[in-house]
Each structure stands twice: as C-alpha cells, then as structure tokens.
C-alpha cells in the first residue's frame, strides 16, 4: 500500500466457515479457501457452496457480472447468463438496500456467487450485505492495513470480529450454520 501509484485498493472478502470467519483473498496461497460444506471439515451443518471461491482455488478464472442498475428481474436475467459471480454495485450505481435484497433473492435461484460492492468501509453496510445473503463483499477505498483490518473485523463475529448477530435472510438462503462458524 505504500507504492506511489496505488491510490486505492478494494478488498474482497468471501464468507468463510473456518475459525477466522472471513479472510482477504490472496493473503496466503497455503491457506485453503474452499469450505462449501461444513461437514467436509468434520463440522456439523451445511452452507451453500461459494462457486467463485471454488474456481479460484482451482486456479480458474472467475467470470463476474456487474450491475449498477437496481431490479430483481434484471438480477435474475443477469444470473441466468452464465456468470460465475454477479456483483451488485452499491457504490457507483443507484442501488439501495431494499433493491439489494431483492437482487440477492433473484440471484439465489442460481449457483453463482452473489457479491456486493459496498459504498464505503462501514460495519453497518458490511452487516447489511452479509445478512441479506451476499457471499462475497467488495470494499472500496481501503487505504491502509488498519482500514483492511477494520473491514475484516466487520465481517466476523466475536471473538474474531465485531459483527453483530442477525444473519436473517442469509441463514435461510446460505444455510442455517451461516453464522455459526465465524
């Protein structure tokens, strides 16, 4: 982050079932990033597969659609076009929180990874996106290791983070153990 040509950095977090709850992609190539079903690791319960994570772990390219326009029907159509992931852009588009929920509901009819690009590094926005069912979160304008750590903490439940419990829609969509492994 100290290189003069780097002004901004976006950090992507995929929800993770291991003891850390979430991690920054690329932080360690030795650390596995696949945990689609908790019982693969001897855990009870289940969670929806994260297709983008599985592809990245296999050194494959992830084809990601991007929407800045609100609408559940638009998200449903985009989700049917063969993407591996679909990002709902809440930073530069005109998508609000109710539209985001409707779009995540539409995307959840497919196996692709639903992602949300937040408007800012705000724990409330992180929680809303994850609670609504986002399986990946992109946080723009990360300018320091401290800001990256703050973002990661907002994705994790205590004792590893500061996220409050309340994964309402996420537990229905992603699995009832959605919050139990972070």
Protein backbone atom coordinates (compact mmCIF):
# COMPACT_ATOMS: atom_id res chain seq x y z
CA UNK A 1 0.00 0.00 0.00
CA UNK A 2 3.00 2.29 0.06
CA UNK A 3 3.68 2.31 -3.69
CA UNK A 4 3.06 5.84 -5.07
CA UNK A 5 0.96 4.54 -7.98
CA UNK A 6 -1.51 2.84 -5.66
CA UNK A 7 -4.16 5.33 -4.60
CA UNK A 8 -7.00 3.00 -3.70
CA UNK A 9 -7.37 -0.68 -3.05
CA UNK A 10 -10.55 -2.71 -2.97
CA UNK A 11 -10.58 -5.68 -0.62
CA UNK A 12 -12.75 -8.70 -1.37
CA UNK A 13 -13.96 -10.96 1.41
CA UNK A 14 -15.67 -14.29 0.82
CA UNK A 15 -17.65 -15.58 3.76
CA UNK A 16 -15.65 -18.46 5.22
CA UNK A 17 -16.59 -21.28 7.57
CA UNK A 18 -13.22 -21.77 9.22
CA UNK A 19 -12.20 -20.37 12.57
CA UNK A 20 -11.50 -16.93 11.13
CA UNK A 21 -14.91 -16.38 9.56
CA UNK A 22 -13.55 -14.38 6.63
CA UNK A 23 -10.20 -13.62 5.04
CA UNK A 24 -8.67 -11.42 2.42
CA UNK A 25 -8.17 -13.34 -0.80
CA UNK A 26 -4.53 -13.74 -1.75
CA UNK A 27 -3.27 -13.24 1.79
CA UNK A 28 -1.93 -16.79 1.82
CA UNK A 29 -1.78 -19.29 -1.02
CA UNK A 30 -1.22 -22.08 1.51
CA UNK A 31 -4.49 -21.43 3.26
CA UNK A 32 -7.45 -23.27 1.74
CA UNK A 33 -10.26 -21.06 0.53
CA UNK A 34 -12.84 -23.78 -0.09
CA UNK A 35 -15.27 -24.64 2.67
CA UNK A 36 -18.54 -25.05 0.80
CA UNK A 37 -19.98 -27.70 3.09
CA UNK A 38 -19.05 -27.67 6.75
CA UNK A 39 -19.17 -31.45 7.05
CA UNK A 40 -16.20 -31.75 4.66
CA UNK A 41 -14.12 -30.49 7.57
CA UNK A 42 -15.81 -32.62 10.19
CA UNK A 43 -18.26 -29.89 11.21
CA UNK A 44 -21.98 -30.35 11.68
CA UNK A 45 -24.38 -28.41 9.48
CA UNK A 46 -24.16 -27.06 5.98
CA UNK A 47 -23.68 -23.94 3.97
CA UNK A 48 -24.23 -23.14 0.30
CA UNK A 49 -21.23 -23.63 -1.99
CA UNK A 50 -19.33 -20.49 -2.98
CA UNK A 51 -18.70 -21.10 -6.69
CA UNK A 52 -16.27 -18.21 -7.20
CA UNK A 53 -14.11 -19.40 -4.31
CA UNK A 54 -14.05 -22.97 -5.64
CA UNK A 55 -12.95 -21.77 -9.09
CA UNK A 56 -10.21 -19.54 -7.65
CA UNK A 57 -8.94 -22.43 -5.52
CA UNK A 58 -8.60 -24.46 -8.73
CA UNK A 59 -6.64 -21.59 -10.36
CA UNK A 60 -9.52 -20.99 -12.78
CA UNK A 61 -10.82 -17.67 -14.00
CA UNK A 62 -13.98 -16.31 -12.40
CA UNK A 63 -16.33 -14.56 -14.82
CA UNK A 64 -18.09 -11.84 -12.81
CA UNK A 65 -21.12 -9.88 -13.98
CA UNK A 66 -21.61 -6.38 -12.61
CA UNK A 67 -24.83 -4.46 -12.07
CA UNK A 68 -25.23 -0.77 -11.25
CA UNK A 69 -28.94 -0.81 -12.12
CA UNK A 70 -31.48 -1.91 -9.48
CA UNK A 71 -34.09 -4.57 -10.02
CA UNK A 72 -34.81 -8.13 -9.02
CA UNK A 73 -35.83 -9.09 -12.56
CA UNK A 74 -32.63 -7.60 -14.01
CA UNK A 75 -30.56 -9.57 -11.48
CA UNK A 76 -32.48 -12.74 -12.33
CA UNK A 77 -31.81 -12.27 -16.05
CA UNK A 78 -28.13 -11.47 -15.45
CA UNK A 79 -27.79 -14.51 -13.15
CA UNK A 80 -29.06 -16.74 -15.95
CA UNK A 81 -26.38 -15.65 -18.44
CA UNK A 82 -23.62 -17.99 -17.29
CA UNK A 83 -21.57 -15.84 -14.92
CA UNK A 84 -19.66 -17.45 -12.06
CA UNK A 85 -20.44 -14.48 -9.81
CA UNK A 86 -22.61 -11.39 -10.00
CA UNK A 87 -21.74 -8.15 -8.20
CA UNK A 88 -24.36 -5.67 -7.07
CA UNK A 89 -22.60 -2.29 -7.10
CA UNK A 90 -23.88 -0.11 -4.28
CA UNK A 91 -21.03 2.37 -4.60
CA UNK A 92 -21.47 3.78 -8.09
CA UNK A 93 -24.94 2.63 -9.08
CA UNK A 94 -28.37 3.69 -7.89
CA UNK A 95 -28.99 0.52 -5.90
CA UNK A 96 -30.32 0.93 -2.37
CA UNK A 97 -30.61 -1.62 0.43
CA UNK A 98 -34.16 -2.85 -0.43
CA UNK A 99 -33.13 -3.28 -4.09
CA UNK A 100 -30.00 -5.14 -2.99
CA UNK A 101 -32.11 -7.64 -1.02
CA UNK A 102 -34.45 -8.21 -3.98
CA UNK A 103 -31.45 -8.69 -6.29
CA UNK A 104 -29.80 -11.16 -3.91
CA UNK A 105 -33.08 -13.08 -3.76
CA UNK A 106 -33.18 -13.28 -7.54
CA UNK A 107 -29.53 -14.36 -7.78
CA UNK A 108 -30.06 -17.07 -5.17
CA UNK A 109 -32.06 -19.11 -7.68
CA UNK A 110 -28.77 -19.93 -9.42
CA UNK A 111 -25.46 -21.49 -8.29
CA UNK A 112 -23.41 -18.36 -8.99
CA UNK A 113 -21.79 -16.38 -6.18
CA UNK A 114 -23.78 -13.28 -5.16
CA UNK A 115 -21.46 -10.39 -4.34
CA UNK A 116 -22.00 -6.82 -3.17
CA UNK A 117 -19.69 -3.86 -3.66
CA UNK A 118 -20.25 -1.60 -0.68
CA UNK A 119 -20.47 2.18 -0.82
CA UNK A 120 -17.88 2.54 1.94
CA UNK A 121 -15.94 0.72 4.63
CA UNK A 122 -18.77 0.89 7.16
CA UNK A 123 -19.54 -2.01 9.56
CA UNK A 124 -23.27 -1.34 9.20
CA UNK A 125 -23.12 -1.69 5.40
CA UNK A 126 -20.99 -4.85 5.70
CA UNK A 127 -23.50 -6.43 8.07
CA UNK A 128 -26.48 -5.49 5.90
CA UNK A 129 -24.91 -7.05 2.80
CA UNK A 130 -23.89 -10.26 4.59
CA UNK A 131 -27.19 -10.54 6.47
CA UNK A 132 -29.06 -10.20 3.18
CA UNK A 133 -27.16 -13.13 1.67
CA UNK A 134 -24.08 -11.74 -0.07
CA UNK A 135 -21.45 -14.49 -0.26
CA UNK A 136 -18.72 -12.06 -1.26
CA UNK A 137 -18.23 -8.44 -0.27
CA UNK A 138 -16.06 -5.89 -2.07
CA UNK A 139 -14.98 -2.91 -0.01
CA UNK A 140 -13.60 0.04 -1.99
CA UNK A 141 -11.12 2.68 -0.93
CA UNK A 142 -9.06 0.65 1.51
CA UNK A 143 -6.03 2.87 2.05
CA UNK A 144 -4.17 1.24 4.93
CA UNK A 145 -3.67 -2.06 6.71
CA UNK A 146 -5.77 -0.66 9.57
CA UNK A 147 -8.71 0.01 7.23
CA UNK A 148 -8.38 -3.52 5.80
CA UNK A 149 -8.35 -4.97 9.33
CA UNK A 150 -11.43 -2.92 10.23
CA UNK A 151 -13.25 -4.31 7.18
CA UNK A 152 -12.32 -7.90 8.01
CA UNK A 153 -13.44 -7.38 11.64
CA UNK A 154 -16.82 -6.13 10.39
CA UNK A 155 -17.24 -9.45 8.53
CA UNK A 156 -16.51 -11.66 11.54
CA UNK A 157 -18.50 -12.46 14.63
CA UNK A 158 -16.87 -12.15 18.08
CA UNK A 159 -14.41 -13.11 19.35
CA UNK A 160 -12.65 -12.71 15.97
CA UNK A 161 -14.50 -9.57 14.91
CA UNK A 162 -17.19 -7.03 15.69
CA UNK A 163 -20.11 -8.15 13.52
CA UNK A 164 -23.40 -8.39 15.37
CA UNK A 165 -25.56 -11.48 15.10
CA UNK A 166 -28.60 -11.27 12.85
CA UNK A 167 -27.97 -13.09 9.58
CA UNK A 168 -31.69 -13.22 8.87
CA UNK A 169 -32.03 -13.93 5.15
CA UNK A 170 -28.52 -15.35 4.89
CA UNK A 171 -29.34 -18.26 7.17
CA UNK A 172 -32.37 -19.20 5.07
CA UNK A 173 -30.54 -18.83 1.77
CA UNK A 174 -26.99 -19.91 2.57
CA UNK A 175 -27.57 -22.36 5.40
CA UNK A 176 -28.62 -22.29 9.00
CA UNK A 177 -24.97 -22.58 10.03
CA UNK A 178 -24.10 -19.36 8.16
CA UNK A 179 -23.09 -17.54 11.33
CA UNK A 180 -22.04 -20.45 13.48
CA UNK A 181 -18.55 -20.90 12.08
CA UNK A 182 -17.12 -17.41 12.27
